[in-house]
PDB file of N, CA and C in Angstrom:
ATOM      1  N   MET A   1     126.272 133.555  23.876  1.00  0.00           N
ATOM      2  CA  MET A   1     126.351 132.418  24.772  1.00  0.00           C
ATOM      3  C   MET A   1     126.087 131.149  23.981  1.00  0.00           C
ATOM      4  N   SER A   2     126.893 130.161  24.133  1.00  0.00           N
ATOM      5  CA  SER A   2     126.804 128.916  23.385  1.00  0.00           C
ATOM      6  C   SER A   2     126.201 127.818  24.237  1.00  0.00           C
ATOM      7  N   ASP A   3     125.436 126.925  23.566  1.00  0.00           N
ATOM      8  CA  ASP A   3     124.842 125.780  24.246  1.00  0.00           C
ATOM      9  C   ASP A   3     125.849 124.647  24.387  1.00  0.00           C
ATOM     10  N   SER A   4     126.792 124.551  23.453  1.00  0.00           N
ATOM     11  CA  SER A   4     127.659 123.391  23.390  1.00  0.00           C
ATOM     12  C   SER A   4     128.663 123.372  24.530  1.00  0.00           C
ATOM     13  N   GLY A   5     128.991 122.158  24.960  1.00  0.00           N
ATOM     14  CA  GLY A   5     130.004 121.984  25.978  1.00  0.00           C
ATOM     15  C   GLY A   5     129.529 122.156  27.400  1.00  0.00           C
ATOM     16  N   SER A   6     128.290 122.543  27.594  1.00  0.00           N
ATOM     17  CA  SER A   6     127.810 122.784  28.949  1.00  0.00           C
ATOM     18  C   SER A   6     127.367 121.501  29.649  1.00  0.00           C
ATOM     19  N   GLY A   7     127.125 120.441  28.870  1.00  0.00           N
ATOM     20  CA  GLY A   7     126.649 119.197  29.453  1.00  0.00           C
ATOM     21  C   GLY A   7     125.164 119.213  29.746  1.00  0.00           C
ATOM     22  N   ALA A   8     124.504 120.329  29.509  1.00  0.00           N
ATOM     23  CA  ALA A   8     123.069 120.439  29.742  1.00  0.00           C
ATOM     24  C   ALA A   8     122.310 119.660  28.679  1.00  0.00           C
ATOM     25  N   GLN A   9     121.115 119.254  29.028  1.00  0.00           N
ATOM     26  CA  GLN A   9     120.231 118.610  28.070  1.00  0.00           C
ATOM     27  C   GLN A   9     119.060 119.541  27.808  1.00  0.00           C
ATOM     28  N   TYR A  10     118.562 119.483  26.580  1.00  0.00           N
ATOM     29  CA  TYR A  10     117.466 120.341  26.154  1.00  0.00           C
ATOM     30  C   TYR A  10     116.337 119.475  25.635  1.00  0.00           C
ATOM     31  N   PHE A  11     115.116 119.963  25.813  1.00  0.00           N
ATOM     32  CA  PHE A  11     113.922 119.231  25.425  1.00  0.00           C
ATOM     33  C   PHE A  11     112.975 120.181  24.715  1.00  0.00           C
ATOM     34  N   TRP A  12     112.137 119.633  23.825  1.00  0.00           N
ATOM     35  CA  TRP A  12     111.076 120.429  23.225  1.00  0.00           C
ATOM     36  C   TRP A  12     109.789 120.034  23.918  1.00  0.00           C
ATOM     37  N   CYS A  13     109.127 121.001  24.521  1.00  0.00           N
ATOM     38  CA  CYS A  13     107.871 120.749  25.224  1.00  0.00           C
ATOM     39  C   CYS A  13     106.714 120.942  24.250  1.00  0.00           C
ATOM     40  N   ILE A  14     105.956 119.873  24.011  1.00  0.00           N
ATOM     41  CA  ILE A  14     104.817 119.960  23.093  1.00  0.00           C
ATOM     42  C   ILE A  14     103.609 120.614  23.763  1.00  0.00           C
ATOM     43  N   ARG A  15     103.663 120.749  25.045  1.00  0.00           N
ATOM     44  CA  ARG A  15     102.586 121.410  25.795  1.00  0.00           C
ATOM     45  C   ARG A  15     102.743 122.931  25.761  1.00  0.00           C
ATOM     46  N   HIS A  16     103.970 123.410  25.945  1.00  0.00           N
ATOM     47  CA  HIS A  16     104.227 124.852  26.007  1.00  0.00           C
ATOM     48  C   HIS A  16     104.856 125.416  24.735  1.00  0.00           C
ATOM     49  N   HIS A  17     105.217 124.527  23.800  1.00  0.00           N
ATOM     50  CA  HIS A  17     105.837 124.938  22.525  1.00  0.00           C
ATOM     51  C   HIS A  17     107.085 125.782  22.762  1.00  0.00           C
ATOM     52  N   ARG A  18     107.997 125.200  23.548  1.00  0.00           N
ATOM     53  CA  ARG A  18     109.237 125.908  23.858  1.00  0.00           C
ATOM     54  C   ARG A  18     110.329 124.906  24.227  1.00  0.00           C
ATOM     55  N   VAL A  19     111.556 125.392  24.194  1.00  0.00           N
ATOM     56  CA  VAL A  19     112.704 124.608  24.643  1.00  0.00           C
ATOM     57  C   VAL A  19     112.761 124.682  26.164  1.00  0.00           C
ATOM     58  N   GLU A  20     113.007 123.524  26.767  1.00  0.00           N
ATOM     59  CA  GLU A  20     113.179 123.457  28.216  1.00  0.00           C
ATOM     60  C   GLU A  20     114.490 122.758  28.520  1.00  0.00           C
ATOM     61  N   THR A  21     115.031 123.046  29.681  1.00  0.00           N
ATOM     62  CA  THR A  21     116.279 122.401  30.113  1.00  0.00           C
ATOM     63  C   THR A  21     115.976 121.409  31.224  1.00  0.00           C
ATOM     64  N   ASP A  22     117.000 120.620  31.589  1.00  0.00           N
ATOM     65  CA  ASP A  22     116.773 119.653  32.663  1.00  0.00           C
ATOM     66  C   ASP A  22     116.392 120.352  33.962  1.00  0.00           C
ATOM     67  N   ALA A  23     116.688 121.624  34.088  1.00  0.00           N
ATOM     68  CA  ALA A  23     116.357 122.374  35.298  1.00  0.00           C
ATOM     69  C   ALA A  23     114.865 122.708  35.390  1.00  0.00           C
ATOM     70  N   ASP A  24     114.177 122.781  34.243  1.00  0.00           N
ATOM     71  CA  ASP A  24     112.761 123.194  34.266  1.00  0.00           C
ATOM     72  C   ASP A  24     111.910 122.376  33.307  1.00  0.00           C
ATOM     73  N   VAL A  25     112.242 121.110  33.117  1.00  0.00           N
ATOM     74  CA  VAL A  25     111.553 120.290  32.130  1.00  0.00           C
ATOM     75  C   VAL A  25     110.201 119.794  32.644  1.00  0.00           C
ATOM     76  N   CYS A  26     109.228 119.767  31.744  1.00  0.00           N
ATOM     77  CA  CYS A  26     107.900 119.228  32.053  1.00  0.00           C
ATOM     78  C   CYS A  26     107.972 117.707  32.161  1.00  0.00           C
ATOM     79  N   PRO A  27     106.903 117.063  32.605  1.00  0.00           N
ATOM     80  CA  PRO A  27     106.886 115.599  32.665  1.00  0.00           C
ATOM     81  C   PRO A  27     107.179 114.981  31.290  1.00  0.00           C
ATOM     82  N   ALA A  28     107.750 113.794  31.293  1.00  0.00           N
ATOM     83  CA  ALA A  28     108.213 113.126  30.072  1.00  0.00           C
ATOM     84  C   ALA A  28     107.143 113.019  28.993  1.00  0.00           C
ATOM     85  N   ARG A  29     105.890 112.884  29.366  1.00  0.00           N
ATOM     86  CA  ARG A  29     104.840 112.720  28.353  1.00  0.00           C
ATOM     87  C   ARG A  29     104.648 113.972  27.501  1.00  0.00           C
ATOM     88  N   TYR A  30     105.213 115.100  27.928  1.00  0.00           N
ATOM     89  CA  TYR A  30     105.057 116.355  27.191  1.00  0.00           C
ATOM     90  C   TYR A  30     106.304 116.792  26.435  1.00  0.00           C
ATOM     91  N   VAL A  31     107.387 116.031  26.513  1.00  0.00           N
ATOM     92  CA  VAL A  31     108.627 116.512  25.910  1.00  0.00           C
ATOM     93  C   VAL A  31     109.226 115.522  24.921  1.00  0.00           C
ATOM     94  N   LEU A  32     109.965 116.074  23.972  1.00  0.00           N
ATOM     95  CA  LEU A  32     110.784 115.313  23.039  1.00  0.00           C
ATOM     96  C   LEU A  32     112.229 115.594  23.397  1.00  0.00           C
ATOM     97  N   GLY A  33     113.043 114.581  23.340  1.00  0.00           N
ATOM     98  CA  GLY A  33     114.451 114.778  23.657  1.00  0.00           C
ATOM     99  C   GLY A  33     114.933 113.686  24.565  1.00  0.00           C
ATOM    100  N   PRO A  34     116.116 113.813  25.047  1.00  0.00           N
ATOM    101  CA  PRO A  34     116.931 115.014  25.178  1.00  0.00           C
ATOM    102  C   PRO A  34     117.746 115.306  23.914  1.00  0.00           C
ATOM    103  N   TYR A  35     118.101 116.556  23.770  1.00  0.00           N
ATOM    104  CA  TYR A  35     118.962 117.046  22.705  1.00  0.00           C
ATOM    105  C   TYR A  35     120.162 117.724  23.350  1.00  0.00           C
ATOM    106  N   THR A  36     121.252 117.818  22.592  1.00  0.00           N
ATOM    107  CA  THR A  36     122.474 118.405  23.132  1.00  0.00           C
ATOM    108  C   THR A  36     122.524 119.911  23.005  1.00  0.00           C
ATOM    109  N   SER A  37     121.583 120.495  22.238  1.00  0.00           N
ATOM    110  CA  SER A  37     121.561 121.957  22.105  1.00  0.00           C
ATOM    111  C   SER A  37     120.127 122.446  22.018  1.00  0.00           C
ATOM    112  N   ALA A  38     119.934 123.696  22.364  1.00  0.00           N
ATOM    113  CA  ALA A  38     118.610 124.309  22.259  1.00  0.00           C
ATOM    114  C   ALA A  38     118.160 124.350  20.807  1.00  0.00           C
ATOM    115  N   ALA A  39     119.101 124.589  19.894  1.00  0.00           N
ATOM    116  CA  ALA A  39     118.763 124.642  18.465  1.00  0.00           C
ATOM    117  C   ALA A  39     118.227 123.294  17.985  1.00  0.00           C
ATOM    118  N   ASP A  40     118.846 122.197  18.419  1.00  0.00           N
ATOM    119  CA  ASP A  40     118.349 120.871  18.048  1.00  0.00           C
ATOM    120  C   ASP A  40     116.952 120.636  18.624  1.00  0.00           C
ATOM    121  N   ALA A  41     116.732 121.048  19.842  1.00  0.00           N
ATOM    122  CA  ALA A  41     115.417 120.881  20.470  1.00  0.00           C
ATOM    123  C   ALA A  41     114.353 121.670  19.717  1.00  0.00           C
ATOM    124  N   GLU A  42     114.709 122.865  19.247  1.00  0.00           N
ATOM    125  CA  GLU A  42     113.753 123.686  18.495  1.00  0.00           C
ATOM    126  C   GLU A  42     113.328 123.021  17.197  1.00  0.00           C
ATOM    127  N   GLN A  43     114.159 122.155  16.650  1.00  0.00           N
ATOM    128  CA  GLN A  43     113.866 121.463  15.397  1.00  0.00           C
ATOM    129  C   GLN A  43     113.195 120.101  15.609  1.00  0.00           C
ATOM    130  N   ALA A  44     112.838 119.776  16.816  1.00  0.00           N
ATOM    131  CA  ALA A  44     112.311 118.449  17.141  1.00  0.00           C
ATOM    132  C   ALA A  44     111.080 118.080  16.325  1.00  0.00           C
ATOM    133  N   LEU A  45     110.116 118.964  16.218  1.00  0.00           N
ATOM    134  CA  LEU A  45     108.889 118.625  15.491  1.00  0.00           C
ATOM    135  C   LEU A  45     109.144 118.437  14.004  1.00  0.00           C
ATOM    136  N   GLU A  46     110.069 119.197  13.447  1.00  0.00           N
ATOM    137  CA  GLU A  46     110.425 119.025  12.037  1.00  0.00           C
ATOM    138  C   GLU A  46     111.067 117.656  11.831  1.00  0.00           C
ATOM    139  N   ARG A  47     111.932 117.256  12.736  1.00  0.00           N
ATOM    140  CA  ARG A  47     112.557 115.926  12.644  1.00  0.00           C
ATOM    141  C   ARG A  47     111.515 114.822  12.752  1.00  0.00           C
ATOM    142  N   VAL A  48     110.562 114.980  13.638  1.00  0.00           N
ATOM    143  CA  VAL A  48     109.491 113.995  13.781  1.00  0.00           C
ATOM    144  C   VAL A  48     108.713 113.892  12.470  1.00  0.00           C
ATOM    145  N   ARG A  49     108.374 115.029  11.877  1.00  0.00           N
ATOM    146  CA  ARG A  49     107.625 115.031  10.614  1.00  0.00           C
ATOM    147  C   ARG A  49     108.409 114.321   9.519  1.00  0.00           C
ATOM    148  N   GLU A  50     109.692 114.647   9.385  1.00  0.00           N
ATOM    149  CA  GLU A  50     110.532 114.028   8.361  1.00  0.00           C
ATOM    150  C   GLU A  50     110.635 112.517   8.565  1.00  0.00           C
ATOM    151  N   ARG A  51     110.841 112.093   9.795  1.00  0.00           N
ATOM    152  CA  ARG A  51     110.960 110.662  10.070  1.00  0.00           C
ATOM    153  C   ARG A  51     109.652 109.939   9.802  1.00  0.00           C
ATOM    154  N   ASN A  52     108.531 110.542  10.177  1.00  0.00           N
ATOM    155  CA  ASN A  52     107.239 109.916   9.916  1.00  0.00           C
ATOM    156  C   ASN A  52     107.001 109.743   8.423  1.00  0.00           C
ATOM    157  N   GLU A  53     107.344 110.758   7.629  1.00  0.00           N
ATOM    158  CA  GLU A  53     107.190 110.653   6.175  1.00  0.00           C
ATOM    159  C   GLU A  53     108.047 109.520   5.622  1.00  0.00           C
ATOM    160  N   THR A  54     109.273 109.406   6.095  1.00  0.00           N
ATOM    161  CA  THR A  54     110.168 108.345   5.648  1.00  0.00           C
ATOM    162  C   THR A  54     109.606 106.981   6.013  1.00  0.00           C
ATOM    163  N   TRP A  55     109.174 106.836   7.248  1.00  0.00           N
ATOM    164  CA  TRP A  55     108.640 105.548   7.695  1.00  0.00           C
ATOM    165  C   TRP A  55     107.356 105.184   6.959  1.00  0.00           C
ATOM    166  N   GLU A  56     106.478 106.154   6.699  1.00  0.00           N
ATOM    167  CA  GLU A  56     105.249 105.880   5.960  1.00  0.00           C
ATOM    168  C   GLU A  56     105.554 105.433   4.541  1.00  0.00           C
ATOM    169  N   ALA A  57     106.546 106.056   3.905  1.00  0.00           N
ATOM    170  CA  ALA A  57     106.940 105.651   2.555  1.00  0.00           C
ATOM    171  C   ALA A  57     107.526 104.243   2.571  1.00  0.00           C
ATOM    172  N   GLU A  58     108.336 103.933   3.566  1.00  0.00           N
ATOM    173  CA  GLU A  58     108.895 102.580   3.685  1.00  0.00           C
ATOM    174  C   GLU A  58     107.798 101.552   3.918  1.00  0.00           C
ATOM    175  N   ASP A  59     106.828 101.881   4.759  1.00  0.00           N
ATOM    176  CA  ASP A  59     105.706 100.978   5.001  1.00  0.00           C
ATOM    177  C   ASP A  59     104.917 100.732   3.719  1.00  0.00           C
ATOM    178  N   ALA A  60     104.694 101.784   2.952  1.00  0.00           N
ATOM    179  CA  ALA A  60     103.948 101.653   1.701  1.00  0.00           C
ATOM    180  C   ALA A  60     104.708 100.761   0.716  1.00  0.00           C
ATOM    181  N   ARG A  61     106.019 100.949   0.609  1.00  0.00           N
ATOM    182  CA  ARG A  61     106.830 100.097  -0.277  1.00  0.00           C
ATOM    183  C   ARG A  61     106.776  98.644   0.196  1.00  0.00           C
ATOM    184  N   TRP A  62     106.863  98.454   1.496  1.00  0.00           N
ATOM    185  CA  TRP A  62     106.826  97.100   2.057  1.00  0.00           C
ATOM    186  C   TRP A  62     105.481  96.425   1.727  1.00  0.00           C
ATOM    187  N   ALA A  63     104.400  97.188   1.753  1.00  0.00           N
ATOM    188  CA  ALA A  63     103.067  96.641   1.475  1.00  0.00           C
ATOM    189  C   ALA A  63     102.790  96.554  -0.024  1.00  0.00           C
ATOM    190  N   GLY A  64     103.742  97.018  -0.852  1.00  0.00           N
ATOM    191  CA  GLY A  64     103.562  96.935  -2.300  1.00  0.00           C
ATOM    192  C   GLY A  64     102.833  98.128  -2.894  1.00  0.00           C
ATOM    193  N   GLU A  65     102.664  99.157  -2.117  1.00  0.00           N
ATOM    194  CA  GLU A  65     101.995 100.370  -2.602  1.00  0.00           C
ATOM    195  C   GLU A  65     103.061 101.359  -3.039  1.00  0.00           C
ATOM    196  N   GLU A  66     102.759 102.140  -4.033  1.00  0.00           N
ATOM    197  CA  GLU A  66     103.663 103.206  -4.446  1.00  0.00           C
ATOM    198  C   GLU A  66     103.180 104.515  -3.876  1.00  0.00           C
ATOM    199  N   ARG A  67     104.116 105.320  -3.399  1.00  0.00           N
ATOM    200  CA  ARG A  67     103.772 106.652  -2.882  1.00  0.00           C
ATOM    201  C   ARG A  67     104.450 107.682  -3.701  1.00  0.00           C
TER     202      ARG A  67
END
C-alpha cells in the first residue's frame, strides 16, 4: 500500500513517538508536519536535528566564531 497520491497528510507525534494522520492527529503542540508521506513524517526528528545543526553553524559564523 502506497502513501502517495492519497491526499492524506501525515504528522510525527512527539508525545506518542509515532506517525499520525489527519484522521487521528494529536493537538498541534505535539506534532511536526504536515508531511505528504508516512516515511517523511518518520524522518521528522532527524530533519529537525539536521536543520538545527545548520542554523547553529550559521549563527556561529555570523557571530565570528568558528565551529
